[in-house]
Amino acid sequence: MVNKGGKDMKKESFKDKMIERIKVSIFFIPFILAIYVLLFVI
């Protein structure tokens, strides 16, 4: 990540990290569940 905004970027970085974690978790939970289902089927 390139920090151009300085102080303004630091305030948003925490929110952005939280949003990114939520997005990643929403993306990965079905993916992990699909892997578990495949493992149980096989």
Protein backbone atom coordinates (compact mmCIF):
# COMPACT_ATOMS: atom_id res chain seq x y z
CA MET A 1 0.00 0.00 0.00
CA VAL A 2 1.28 3.46 -0.94
CA ASN A 3 0.61 6.13 1.70
CA LYS A 4 0.07 9.46 -0.06
CA GLY A 5 -2.51 11.19 2.15
CA GLY A 6 -0.52 11.10 5.40
CA LYS A 7 -2.76 11.69 8.44
CA ASP A 8 -6.00 11.35 6.45
CA MET A 9 -4.93 7.95 5.14
CA LYS A 10 -4.09 6.71 8.65
CA LYS A 11 -7.63 7.46 9.86
CA GLU A 12 -9.14 5.52 6.95
CA SER A 13 -6.63 2.66 7.02
CA PHE A 14 -8.23 1.05 10.10
CA LYS A 15 -11.70 1.16 8.51
CA ASP A 16 -10.31 -0.11 5.21
CA LYS A 17 -8.56 -3.01 6.99
CA MET A 18 -11.80 -3.94 8.77
CA ILE A 19 -13.81 -3.73 5.51
CA GLU A 20 -11.18 -5.80 3.68
CA ARG A 21 -11.25 -8.45 6.45
CA ILE A 22 -15.05 -8.59 6.27
CA LYS A 23 -14.93 -8.87 2.46
CA VAL A 24 -12.26 -11.59 2.65
CA SER A 25 -14.20 -13.53 5.31
CA ILE A 26 -17.43 -13.29 3.28
CA PHE A 27 -15.51 -14.50 0.23
CA PHE A 28 -13.62 -17.33 1.97
CA ILE A 29 -16.34 -18.81 4.23
CA PRO A 30 -18.34 -20.34 1.32
CA PHE A 31 -15.06 -21.40 -0.33
CA ILE A 32 -13.91 -23.21 2.84
CA LEU A 33 -17.36 -24.78 3.27
CA ALA A 34 -17.23 -25.99 -0.35
CA ILE A 35 -13.82 -27.60 0.31
CA TYR A 36 -15.20 -29.33 3.44
CA VAL A 37 -18.20 -30.60 1.46
CA LEU A 38 -15.92 -31.92 -1.29
CA LEU A 39 -13.71 -33.64 1.30
CA PHE A 40 -16.72 -35.29 2.96
CA VAL A 41 -18.18 -36.38 -0.41
CA ILE A 42 -14.83 -37.86 -1.48
